[in-house]
PDB file of N, CA and C in Angstrom:
ATOM      1  N   MET A   1      10.594 -48.396  -6.316  1.00  0.00           N
ATOM      2  CA  MET A   1      10.279 -47.441  -7.418  1.00  0.00           C
ATOM      3  C   MET A   1      11.493 -46.571  -7.565  1.00  0.00           C
ATOM      4  N   LYS A   2      11.878 -46.288  -8.662  1.00  0.00           N
ATOM      5  CA  LYS A   2      13.234 -45.400  -8.760  1.00  0.00           C
ATOM      6  C   LYS A   2      12.896 -43.858  -8.620  1.00  0.00           C
ATOM      7  N   GLY A   3      13.783 -43.201  -8.392  1.00  0.00           N
ATOM      8  CA  GLY A   3      13.610 -41.729  -8.425  1.00  0.00           C
ATOM      9  C   GLY A   3      14.753 -41.039  -8.946  1.00  0.00           C
ATOM     10  N   PHE A   4      14.427 -39.620  -9.199  1.00  0.00           N
ATOM     11  CA  PHE A   4      15.476 -38.686  -9.669  1.00  0.00           C
ATOM     12  C   PHE A   4      15.527 -37.475  -8.875  1.00  0.00           C
ATOM     13  N   VAL A   5      16.789 -37.091  -8.693  1.00  0.00           N
ATOM     14  CA  VAL A   5      17.023 -35.471  -8.144  1.00  0.00           C
ATOM     15  C   VAL A   5      17.514 -34.978  -9.209  1.00  0.00           C
ATOM     16  N   TYR A   6      17.082 -33.582  -9.440  1.00  0.00           N
ATOM     17  CA  TYR A   6      17.564 -32.788 -10.494  1.00  0.00           C
ATOM     18  C   TYR A   6      17.856 -31.199 -10.030  1.00  0.00           C
ATOM     19  N   ILE A   7      18.468 -30.626 -10.944  1.00  0.00           N
ATOM     20  CA  ILE A   7      18.645 -29.170 -10.721  1.00  0.00           C
ATOM     21  C   ILE A   7      18.484 -28.535 -11.899  1.00  0.00           C
ATOM     22  N   LEU A   8      17.653 -27.411 -11.682  1.00  0.00           N
ATOM     23  CA  LEU A   8      16.906 -26.591 -12.870  1.00  0.00           C
ATOM     24  C   LEU A   8      17.934 -25.211 -12.674  1.00  0.00           C
ATOM     25  N   HIS A   9      17.882 -24.744 -13.710  1.00  0.00           N
ATOM     26  CA  HIS A   9      18.460 -23.312 -13.796  1.00  0.00           C
ATOM     27  C   HIS A   9      17.283 -22.465 -14.185  1.00  0.00           C
ATOM     28  N   CYS A  10      17.009 -21.254 -13.470  1.00  0.00           N
ATOM     29  CA  CYS A  10      16.036 -20.699 -13.548  1.00  0.00           C
ATOM     30  C   CYS A  10      16.279 -19.236 -14.329  1.00  0.00           C
ATOM     31  N   SER A  11      15.250 -18.542 -14.833  1.00  0.00           N
ATOM     32  CA  SER A  11      15.574 -17.200 -15.673  1.00  0.00           C
ATOM     33  C   SER A  11      16.128 -16.288 -14.773  1.00  0.00           C
ATOM     34  N   ASP A  12      15.827 -16.340 -13.531  1.00  0.00           N
ATOM     35  CA  ASP A  12      16.713 -15.269 -12.602  1.00  0.00           C
ATOM     36  C   ASP A  12      17.921 -15.637 -12.162  1.00  0.00           C
ATOM     37  N   ASP A  13      18.720 -16.923 -12.860  1.00  0.00           N
ATOM     38  CA  ASP A  13      19.972 -17.138 -12.716  1.00  0.00           C
ATOM     39  C   ASP A  13      20.042 -18.033 -11.265  1.00  0.00           C
ATOM     40  N   SER A  14      18.825 -18.318 -10.735  1.00  0.00           N
ATOM     41  CA  SER A  14      18.833 -19.232  -9.414  1.00  0.00           C
ATOM     42  C   SER A  14      18.851 -20.645  -9.806  1.00  0.00           C
ATOM     43  N   TYR A  15      18.911 -21.526  -8.821  1.00  0.00           N
ATOM     44  CA  TYR A  15      19.137 -23.020  -9.183  1.00  0.00           C
ATOM     45  C   TYR A  15      17.737 -23.480  -8.262  1.00  0.00           C
ATOM     46  N   TYR A  16      17.173 -24.567  -8.834  1.00  0.00           N
ATOM     47  CA  TYR A  16      16.126 -25.045  -8.103  1.00  0.00           C
ATOM     48  C   TYR A  16      16.357 -26.678  -8.041  1.00  0.00           C
ATOM     49  N   THR A  17      16.485 -27.226  -6.868  1.00  0.00           N
ATOM     50  CA  THR A  17      16.672 -28.643  -6.694  1.00  0.00           C
ATOM     51  C   THR A  17      15.385 -29.417  -6.155  1.00  0.00           C
ATOM     52  N   GLY A  18      15.019 -30.511  -7.130  1.00  0.00           N
ATOM     53  CA  GLY A  18      13.846 -31.296  -6.649  1.00  0.00           C
ATOM     54  C   GLY A  18      14.063 -32.929  -6.910  1.00  0.00           C
ATOM     55  N   SER A  19      13.216 -33.488  -6.655  1.00  0.00           N
ATOM     56  CA  SER A  19      13.190 -34.821  -6.980  1.00  0.00           C
ATOM     57  C   SER A  19      11.657 -35.325  -7.434  1.00  0.00           C
ATOM     58  N   THR A  20      11.929 -36.575  -7.979  1.00  0.00           N
ATOM     59  CA  THR A  20      10.654 -37.191  -8.659  1.00  0.00           C
ATOM     60  C   THR A  20      10.547 -38.490  -9.220  1.00  0.00           C
ATOM     61  N   ILE A  21       9.519 -39.149  -9.324  1.00  0.00           N
ATOM     62  CA  ILE A  21       9.552 -40.377  -9.877  1.00  0.00           C
ATOM     63  C   ILE A  21       9.487 -40.412 -11.577  1.00  0.00           C
ATOM     64  N   ASP A  22       8.972 -39.288 -11.921  1.00  0.00           N
ATOM     65  CA  ASP A  22       9.116 -39.252 -13.397  1.00  0.00           C
ATOM     66  C   ASP A  22       9.611 -37.893 -13.893  1.00  0.00           C
ATOM     67  N   LEU A  23      10.817 -37.856 -14.419  1.00  0.00           N
ATOM     68  CA  LEU A  23      11.330 -36.745 -14.607  1.00  0.00           C
ATOM     69  C   LEU A  23      10.872 -36.018 -15.781  1.00  0.00           C
ATOM     70  N   ASP A  24      10.590 -36.576 -16.948  1.00  0.00           N
ATOM     71  CA  ASP A  24      10.040 -35.878 -17.844  1.00  0.00           C
ATOM     72  C   ASP A  24       8.706 -35.041 -17.571  1.00  0.00           C
ATOM     73  N   LYS A  25       7.824 -35.903 -16.876  1.00  0.00           N
ATOM     74  CA  LYS A  25       6.713 -35.207 -16.463  1.00  0.00           C
ATOM     75  C   LYS A  25       6.646 -34.123 -15.717  1.00  0.00           C
ATOM     76  N   ARG A  26       7.741 -34.264 -14.580  1.00  0.00           N
ATOM     77  CA  ARG A  26       8.039 -33.099 -13.684  1.00  0.00           C
ATOM     78  C   ARG A  26       8.665 -31.859 -14.402  1.00  0.00           C
ATOM     79  N   ILE A  27       9.590 -32.181 -15.241  1.00  0.00           N
ATOM     80  CA  ILE A  27      10.028 -31.044 -15.922  1.00  0.00           C
ATOM     81  C   ILE A  27       9.221 -30.229 -16.581  1.00  0.00           C
ATOM     82  N   ASN A  28       8.248 -30.943 -17.355  1.00  0.00           N
ATOM     83  CA  ASN A  28       7.158 -30.314 -18.319  1.00  0.00           C
ATOM     84  C   ASN A  28       6.360 -29.581 -17.256  1.00  0.00           C
ATOM     85  N   GLU A  29       5.961 -29.946 -16.002  1.00  0.00           N
ATOM     86  CA  GLU A  29       5.195 -29.384 -15.037  1.00  0.00           C
ATOM     87  C   GLU A  29       5.817 -28.126 -14.647  1.00  0.00           C
ATOM     88  N   HIS A  30       7.082 -28.011 -14.330  1.00  0.00           N
ATOM     89  CA  HIS A  30       7.837 -26.800 -14.086  1.00  0.00           C
ATOM     90  C   HIS A  30       7.902 -25.801 -15.276  1.00  0.00           C
ATOM     91  N   GLN A  31       8.004 -26.370 -16.477  1.00  0.00           N
ATOM     92  CA  GLN A  31       8.075 -25.502 -17.555  1.00  0.00           C
ATOM     93  C   GLN A  31       6.728 -24.770 -17.903  1.00  0.00           C
ATOM     94  N   ASP A  32       5.608 -25.568 -17.586  1.00  0.00           N
ATOM     95  CA  ASP A  32       4.320 -25.037 -17.968  1.00  0.00           C
ATOM     96  C   ASP A  32       3.882 -24.334 -16.768  1.00  0.00           C
ATOM     97  N   GLY A  33       4.580 -23.921 -15.605  1.00  0.00           N
ATOM     98  CA  GLY A  33       4.023 -23.197 -14.511  1.00  0.00           C
ATOM     99  C   GLY A  33       3.416 -24.001 -13.520  1.00  0.00           C
ATOM    100  N   ARG A  34       3.488 -25.174 -13.528  1.00  0.00           N
ATOM    101  CA  ARG A  34       2.733 -26.062 -12.674  1.00  0.00           C
ATOM    102  C   ARG A  34       3.465 -26.755 -11.424  1.00  0.00           C
ATOM    103  N   GLY A  35       4.782 -26.443 -11.536  1.00  0.00           N
ATOM    104  CA  GLY A  35       5.780 -26.875 -10.685  1.00  0.00           C
ATOM    105  C   GLY A  35       5.762 -26.156  -9.373  1.00  0.00           C
ATOM    106  N   ALA A  36       6.922 -26.102  -8.796  1.00  0.00           N
ATOM    107  CA  ALA A  36       7.154 -25.341  -7.416  1.00  0.00           C
ATOM    108  C   ALA A  36       6.864 -24.028  -7.549  1.00  0.00           C
ATOM    109  N   ASN A  37       6.447 -23.159  -6.632  1.00  0.00           N
ATOM    110  CA  ASN A  37       6.504 -21.842  -6.721  1.00  0.00           C
ATOM    111  C   ASN A  37       7.727 -20.884  -6.909  1.00  0.00           C
ATOM    112  N   HIS A  38       8.904 -21.546  -6.653  1.00  0.00           N
ATOM    113  CA  HIS A  38      10.109 -20.882  -7.055  1.00  0.00           C
ATOM    114  C   HIS A  38      10.110 -20.956  -8.599  1.00  0.00           C
ATOM    115  N   THR A  39      10.094 -22.104  -9.221  1.00  0.00           N
ATOM    116  CA  THR A  39      10.057 -22.209 -10.694  1.00  0.00           C
ATOM    117  C   THR A  39       8.954 -21.456 -11.214  1.00  0.00           C
ATOM    118  N   LYS A  40       7.937 -21.458 -10.842  1.00  0.00           N
ATOM    119  CA  LYS A  40       6.738 -20.790 -11.738  1.00  0.00           C
ATOM    120  C   LYS A  40       6.757 -19.388 -11.649  1.00  0.00           C
ATOM    121  N   LYS A  41       7.423 -18.639 -10.871  1.00  0.00           N
ATOM    122  CA  LYS A  41       7.977 -17.248 -11.001  1.00  0.00           C
ATOM    123  C   LYS A  41       9.231 -16.931 -11.814  1.00  0.00           C
ATOM    124  N   ARG A  42       9.643 -18.063 -12.161  1.00  0.00           N
ATOM    125  CA  ARG A  42      11.029 -17.741 -12.864  1.00  0.00           C
ATOM    126  C   ARG A  42      11.345 -18.516 -14.185  1.00  0.00           C
ATOM    127  N   LEU A  43      10.131 -18.513 -14.866  1.00  0.00           N
ATOM    128  CA  LEU A  43      10.265 -19.242 -16.052  1.00  0.00           C
ATOM    129  C   LEU A  43      10.989 -18.388 -17.313  1.00  0.00           C
ATOM    130  N   PRO A  44      11.801 -19.263 -18.151  1.00  0.00           N
ATOM    131  CA  PRO A  44      11.542 -20.537 -18.503  1.00  0.00           C
ATOM    132  C   PRO A  44      12.680 -21.251 -17.485  1.00  0.00           C
ATOM    133  N   VAL A  45      12.806 -22.549 -17.485  1.00  0.00           N
ATOM    134  CA  VAL A  45      13.809 -23.320 -16.664  1.00  0.00           C
ATOM    135  C   VAL A  45      14.412 -24.041 -17.568  1.00  0.00           C
ATOM    136  N   LYS A  46      15.634 -24.536 -17.147  1.00  0.00           N
ATOM    137  CA  LYS A  46      16.371 -25.337 -18.032  1.00  0.00           C
ATOM    138  C   LYS A  46      17.066 -26.421 -17.094  1.00  0.00           C
ATOM    139  N   LEU A  47      16.850 -27.618 -17.616  1.00  0.00           N
ATOM    140  CA  LEU A  47      17.514 -28.714 -16.808  1.00  0.00           C
ATOM    141  C   LEU A  47      19.006 -28.915 -17.049  1.00  0.00           C
ATOM    142  N   LEU A  48      19.589 -29.054 -15.783  1.00  0.00           N
ATOM    143  CA  LEU A  48      21.172 -28.871 -15.683  1.00  0.00           C
ATOM    144  C   LEU A  48      21.807 -30.211 -15.526  1.00  0.00           C
ATOM    145  N   TYR A  49      21.180 -30.905 -14.345  1.00  0.00           N
ATOM    146  CA  TYR A  49      21.615 -31.920 -13.808  1.00  0.00           C
ATOM    147  C   TYR A  49      20.680 -33.122 -13.342  1.00  0.00           C
ATOM    148  N   VAL A  50      21.064 -34.363 -13.559  1.00  0.00           N
ATOM    149  CA  VAL A  50      20.372 -35.494 -12.889  1.00  0.00           C
ATOM    150  C   VAL A  50      20.881 -36.479 -12.392  1.00  0.00           C
ATOM    151  N   GLU A  51      20.563 -37.038 -11.170  1.00  0.00           N
ATOM    152  CA  GLU A  51      21.099 -38.188 -10.594  1.00  0.00           C
ATOM    153  C   GLU A  51      20.001 -39.170 -10.634  1.00  0.00           C
ATOM    154  N   GLU A  52      20.182 -40.369 -10.883  1.00  0.00           N
ATOM    155  CA  GLU A  52      19.086 -41.465 -10.708  1.00  0.00           C
ATOM    156  C   GLU A  52      19.202 -42.450  -9.608  1.00  0.00           C
ATOM    157  N   TYR A  53      18.242 -42.704  -8.681  1.00  0.00           N
ATOM    158  CA  TYR A  53      18.356 -43.502  -7.673  1.00  0.00           C
ATOM    159  C   TYR A  53      17.261 -44.792  -7.631  1.00  0.00           C
ATOM    160  N   LEU A  54      17.596 -45.912  -6.979  1.00  0.00           N
ATOM    161  CA  LEU A  54      16.762 -46.859  -6.778  1.00  0.00           C
ATOM    162  C   LEU A  54      15.528 -46.577  -6.464  1.00  0.00           C
ATOM    163  N   SER A  55      15.411 -45.679  -5.468  1.00  0.00           N
ATOM    164  CA  SER A  55      14.065 -45.241  -4.772  1.00  0.00           C
ATOM    165  C   SER A  55      13.790 -43.986  -4.700  1.00  0.00           C
ATOM    166  N   ILE A  56      12.601 -43.608  -4.553  1.00  0.00           N
ATOM    167  CA  ILE A  56      12.283 -42.249  -4.481  1.00  0.00           C
ATOM    168  C   ILE A  56      12.861 -41.673  -3.093  1.00  0.00           C
ATOM    169  N   THR A  57      12.679 -42.365  -2.113  1.00  0.00           N
ATOM    170  CA  THR A  57      13.206 -42.151  -0.955  1.00  0.00           C
ATOM    171  C   THR A  57      14.749 -41.609  -0.704  1.00  0.00           C
ATOM    172  N   SER A  58      15.454 -42.249  -1.465  1.00  0.00           N
ATOM    173  CA  SER A  58      16.948 -41.978  -1.767  1.00  0.00           C
ATOM    174  C   SER A  58      17.073 -40.802  -2.618  1.00  0.00           C
ATOM    175  N   ALA A  59      16.260 -40.630  -3.555  1.00  0.00           N
ATOM    176  CA  ALA A  59      16.189 -39.330  -4.205  1.00  0.00           C
ATOM    177  C   ALA A  59      15.827 -38.218  -3.452  1.00  0.00           C
ATOM    178  N   PHE A  60      14.880 -38.244  -2.700  1.00  0.00           N
ATOM    179  CA  PHE A  60      14.367 -37.152  -1.728  1.00  0.00           C
ATOM    180  C   PHE A  60      15.437 -37.010  -0.806  1.00  0.00           C
ATOM    181  N   GLU A  61      16.177 -37.871  -0.030  1.00  0.00           N
ATOM    182  CA  GLU A  61      17.237 -37.481   0.920  1.00  0.00           C
ATOM    183  C   GLU A  61      18.238 -36.867   0.408  1.00  0.00           C
ATOM    184  N   ARG A  62      18.685 -37.212  -1.124  1.00  0.00           N
ATOM    185  CA  ARG A  62      19.770 -36.366  -1.909  1.00  0.00           C
ATOM    186  C   ARG A  62      19.374 -34.977  -2.111  1.00  0.00           C
ATOM    187  N   GLU A  63      18.144 -34.925  -2.769  1.00  0.00           N
ATOM    188  CA  GLU A  63      17.511 -33.494  -2.811  1.00  0.00           C
ATOM    189  C   GLU A  63      17.792 -32.644  -1.629  1.00  0.00           C
ATOM    190  N   LYS A  64      17.294 -33.065  -0.413  1.00  0.00           N
ATOM    191  CA  LYS A  64      17.435 -32.249   0.762  1.00  0.00           C
ATOM    192  C   LYS A  64      18.936 -32.089   0.984  1.00  0.00           C
ATOM    193  N   GLN A  65      19.721 -32.815   0.841  1.00  0.00           N
ATOM    194  CA  GLN A  65      21.244 -32.647   1.110  1.00  0.00           C
ATOM    195  C   GLN A  65      21.714 -31.672   0.021  1.00  0.00           C
ATOM    196  N   ILE A  66      21.551 -31.583  -1.280  1.00  0.00           N
ATOM    197  CA  ILE A  66      22.007 -30.685  -2.172  1.00  0.00           C
ATOM    198  C   ILE A  66      21.286 -29.311  -1.960  1.00  0.00           C
ATOM    199  N   GLN A  67      19.885 -29.198  -1.612  1.00  0.00           N
ATOM    200  CA  GLN A  67      19.290 -27.822  -1.081  1.00  0.00           C
ATOM    201  C   GLN A  67      20.288 -27.158  -0.164  1.00  0.00           C
ATOM    202  N   GLY A  68      20.830 -27.938   0.754  1.00  0.00           N
ATOM    203  CA  GLY A  68      21.671 -27.166   1.787  1.00  0.00           C
ATOM    204  C   GLY A  68      22.917 -26.630   1.290  1.00  0.00           C
ATOM    205  N   TRP A  69      23.265 -27.013   0.151  1.00  0.00           N
ATOM    206  CA  TRP A  69      24.688 -26.536  -0.434  1.00  0.00           C
ATOM    207  C   TRP A  69      24.740 -25.173  -0.709  1.00  0.00           C
ATOM    208  N   SER A  70      25.843 -24.732  -0.882  1.00  0.00           N
ATOM    209  CA  SER A  70      26.248 -23.245  -1.486  1.00  0.00           C
ATOM    210  C   SER A  70      25.951 -23.428  -3.021  1.00  0.00           C
ATOM    211  N   ARG A  71      25.854 -22.485  -3.649  1.00  0.00           N
ATOM    212  CA  ARG A  71      25.869 -22.381  -5.267  1.00  0.00           C
ATOM    213  C   ARG A  71      27.103 -22.795  -5.750  1.00  0.00           C
ATOM    214  N   ALA A  72      28.274 -22.378  -5.097  1.00  0.00           N
ATOM    215  CA  ALA A  72      29.530 -23.042  -5.609  1.00  0.00           C
ATOM    216  C   ALA A  72      29.537 -24.527  -5.564  1.00  0.00           C
ATOM    217  N   LYS A  73      29.207 -24.903  -4.528  1.00  0.00           N
ATOM    218  CA  LYS A  73      29.314 -26.346  -4.329  1.00  0.00           C
ATOM    219  C   LYS A  73      28.083 -27.161  -5.269  1.00  0.00           C
ATOM    220  N   LYS A  74      27.099 -26.668  -5.720  1.00  0.00           N
ATOM    221  CA  LYS A  74      26.341 -27.196  -6.540  1.00  0.00           C
ATOM    222  C   LYS A  74      26.840 -27.020  -7.853  1.00  0.00           C
ATOM    223  N   GLU A  75      27.462 -25.965  -8.419  1.00  0.00           N
ATOM    224  CA  GLU A  75      28.146 -25.877  -9.539  1.00  0.00           C
ATOM    225  C   GLU A  75      29.357 -26.666  -9.650  1.00  0.00           C
ATOM    226  N   ALA A  76      30.102 -27.164  -8.586  1.00  0.00           N
ATOM    227  CA  ALA A  76      30.932 -28.091  -8.762  1.00  0.00           C
ATOM    228  C   ALA A  76      30.588 -29.476  -9.068  1.00  0.00           C
ATOM    229  N   LEU A  77      29.412 -29.700  -8.356  1.00  0.00           N
ATOM    230  CA  LEU A  77      28.746 -30.978  -8.660  1.00  0.00           C
ATOM    231  C   LEU A  77      28.384 -31.288 -10.062  1.00  0.00           C
ATOM    232  N   MET A  78      27.735 -30.334 -10.555  1.00  0.00           N
ATOM    233  CA  MET A  78      27.181 -30.225 -11.937  1.00  0.00           C
ATOM    234  C   MET A  78      28.168 -30.317 -13.033  1.00  0.00           C
ATOM    235  N   ASN A  79      29.431 -29.561 -12.326  1.00  0.00           N
ATOM    236  CA  ASN A  79      30.673 -29.715 -13.530  1.00  0.00           C
ATOM    237  C   ASN A  79      31.350 -30.998 -13.222  1.00  0.00           C
ATOM    238  N   GLU A  80      30.985 -31.923 -12.440  1.00  0.00           N
ATOM    239  CA  GLU A  80      31.794 -33.113 -12.097  1.00  0.00           C
ATOM    240  C   GLU A  80      33.173 -32.838 -11.646  1.00  0.00           C
ATOM    241  N   GLU A  81      33.270 -31.814 -10.754  1.00  0.00           N
ATOM    242  CA  GLU A  81      34.578 -31.258  -9.951  1.00  0.00           C
ATOM    243  C   GLU A  81      34.483 -31.863  -8.466  1.00  0.00           C
ATOM    244  N   PHE A  82      34.180 -33.385  -8.557  1.00  0.00           N
ATOM    245  CA  PHE A  82      34.358 -33.900  -7.258  1.00  0.00           C
ATOM    246  C   PHE A  82      35.313 -33.955  -6.393  1.00  0.00           C
ATOM    247  N   GLY A  83      36.585 -33.560  -6.729  1.00  0.00           N
ATOM    248  CA  GLY A  83      37.440 -33.491  -5.940  1.00  0.00           C
ATOM    249  C   GLY A  83      37.319 -32.139  -4.945  1.00  0.00           C
ATOM    250  N   VAL A  84      36.862 -31.188  -5.519  1.00  0.00           N
ATOM    251  CA  VAL A  84      36.558 -29.661  -4.715  1.00  0.00           C
ATOM    252  C   VAL A  84      35.306 -29.728  -3.644  1.00  0.00           C
ATOM    253  N   LEU A  85      34.599 -30.799  -3.694  1.00  0.00           N
ATOM    254  CA  LEU A  85      33.526 -30.853  -2.989  1.00  0.00           C
ATOM    255  C   LEU A  85      33.832 -30.833  -1.566  1.00  0.00           C
ATOM    256  N   PRO A  86      34.716 -31.547  -0.944  1.00  0.00           N
ATOM    257  CA  PRO A  86      35.097 -31.632   0.385  1.00  0.00           C
ATOM    258  C   PRO A  86      35.356 -30.151   0.813  1.00  0.00           C
ATOM    259  N   GLN A  87      36.016 -29.492  -0.023  1.00  0.00           N
ATOM    260  CA  GLN A  87      36.846 -28.184   0.377  1.00  0.00           C
ATOM    261  C   GLN A  87      35.731 -27.136   0.461  1.00  0.00           C
ATOM    262  N   LEU A  88      34.547 -27.392  -0.416  1.00  0.00           N
ATOM    263  CA  LEU A  88      33.373 -26.213  -0.383  1.00  0.00           C
ATOM    264  C   LEU A  88      32.652 -26.724   0.805  1.00  0.00           C
ATOM    265  N   SER A  89      32.769 -27.611   1.357  1.00  0.00           N
ATOM    266  CA  SER A  89      32.084 -27.928   2.755  1.00  0.00           C
ATOM    267  C   SER A  89      32.589 -27.465   4.137  1.00  0.00           C
ATOM    268  N   GLU A  90      33.937 -27.082   3.925  1.00  0.00           N
ATOM    269  CA  GLU A  90      34.591 -26.485   5.107  1.00  0.00           C
ATOM    270  C   GLU A  90      34.223 -25.297   5.719  1.00  0.00           C
ATOM    271  N   CYS A  91      33.970 -25.198   6.836  1.00  0.00           N
ATOM    272  CA  CYS A  91      33.650 -24.124   7.686  1.00  0.00           C
ATOM    273  C   CYS A  91      34.407 -22.811   7.319  1.00  0.00           C
ATOM    274  N   LYS A  92      33.937 -21.701   7.004  1.00  0.00           N
ATOM    275  CA  LYS A  92      34.780 -20.594   6.604  1.00  0.00           C
ATOM    276  C   LYS A  92      34.732 -19.569   7.522  1.00  0.00           C
ATOM    277  N   ASN A  93      33.875 -19.752   8.603  1.00  0.00           N
ATOM    278  CA  ASN A  93      33.563 -18.742   9.471  1.00  0.00           C
ATOM    279  C   ASN A  93      34.352 -19.101  10.913  1.00  0.00           C
ATOM    280  N   GLU A  94      35.348 -18.364  11.257  1.00  0.00           N
ATOM    281  CA  GLU A  94      36.476 -18.784  12.308  1.00  0.00           C
ATOM    282  C   GLU A  94      35.798 -18.774  13.369  1.00  0.00           C
ATOM    283  N   THR A  95      34.705 -17.721  13.778  1.00  0.00           N
ATOM    284  CA  THR A  95      33.872 -17.454  14.843  1.00  0.00           C
ATOM    285  C   THR A  95      33.152 -18.817  15.249  1.00  0.00           C
ATOM    286  N   ASN A  96      32.231 -19.071  14.215  1.00  0.00           N
ATOM    287  CA  ASN A  96      31.568 -20.290  14.441  1.00  0.00           C
ATOM    288  C   ASN A  96      32.333 -21.524  14.934  1.00  0.00           C
ATOM    289  N   PHE A  97      33.608 -21.527  14.029  1.00  0.00           N
ATOM    290  CA  PHE A  97      34.344 -22.777  14.458  1.00  0.00           C
ATOM    291  C   PHE A  97      34.862 -22.722  15.918  1.00  0.00           C
ATOM    292  N   LYS A  98      35.436 -21.516  16.149  1.00  0.00           N
ATOM    293  CA  LYS A  98      35.817 -21.340  17.808  1.00  0.00           C
ATOM    294  C   LYS A  98      34.690 -21.776  18.614  1.00  0.00           C
ATOM    295  N   TYR A  99      33.478 -21.255  18.378  1.00  0.00           N
ATOM    296  CA  TYR A  99      32.370 -21.522  19.399  1.00  0.00           C
ATOM    297  C   TYR A  99      32.043 -23.208  19.395  1.00  0.00           C
ATOM    298  N   PHE A 100      32.069 -23.919  18.163  1.00  0.00           N
ATOM    299  CA  PHE A 100      31.918 -25.297  17.945  1.00  0.00           C
ATOM    300  C   PHE A 100      33.089 -26.021  18.719  1.00  0.00           C
ATOM    301  N   LYS A 101      34.139 -25.480  18.757  1.00  0.00           N
ATOM    302  CA  LYS A 101      35.322 -26.123  19.717  1.00  0.00           C
ATOM    303  C   LYS A 101      35.005 -26.254  21.030  1.00  0.00           C
ATOM    304  N   GLU A 102      34.618 -24.993  21.565  1.00  0.00           N
ATOM    305  CA  GLU A 102      34.296 -24.708  22.792  1.00  0.00           C
ATOM    306  C   GLU A 102      33.199 -25.601  23.336  1.00  0.00           C
ATOM    307  N   VAL A 103      32.312 -25.844  22.542  1.00  0.00           N
ATOM    308  CA  VAL A 103      31.055 -26.637  23.061  1.00  0.00           C
ATOM    309  C   VAL A 103      31.282 -28.012  23.173  1.00  0.00           C
ATOM    310  N   ILE A 104      32.510 -28.669  22.124  1.00  0.00           N
ATOM    311  CA  ILE A 104      32.768 -29.926  22.159  1.00  0.00           C
ATOM    312  C   ILE A 104      33.658 -30.251  23.529  1.00  0.00           C
TER     313      ILE A 104
END
């Protein structure tokens, strides 16, 4: 069963990332306040981005990946700026990087 991962823009300027097997139904649920707690408190929402997968499992895995991303990285994805995605994944905290190197 195919699945979708999507990103919504909420009224408070936050993003919500979700996955579903029925995109139209799920977006309507969000818009009607029957979606996630995050979106029902931040209506209206606007669909900004969608990816389609062959399975809902793959879509759910991608949802979890994107949820861990920074706002800047999500915006680069939505703007199809794929070349900057690796740069937005780099560790910017030198202290954490030094600790990581010592542990290895």
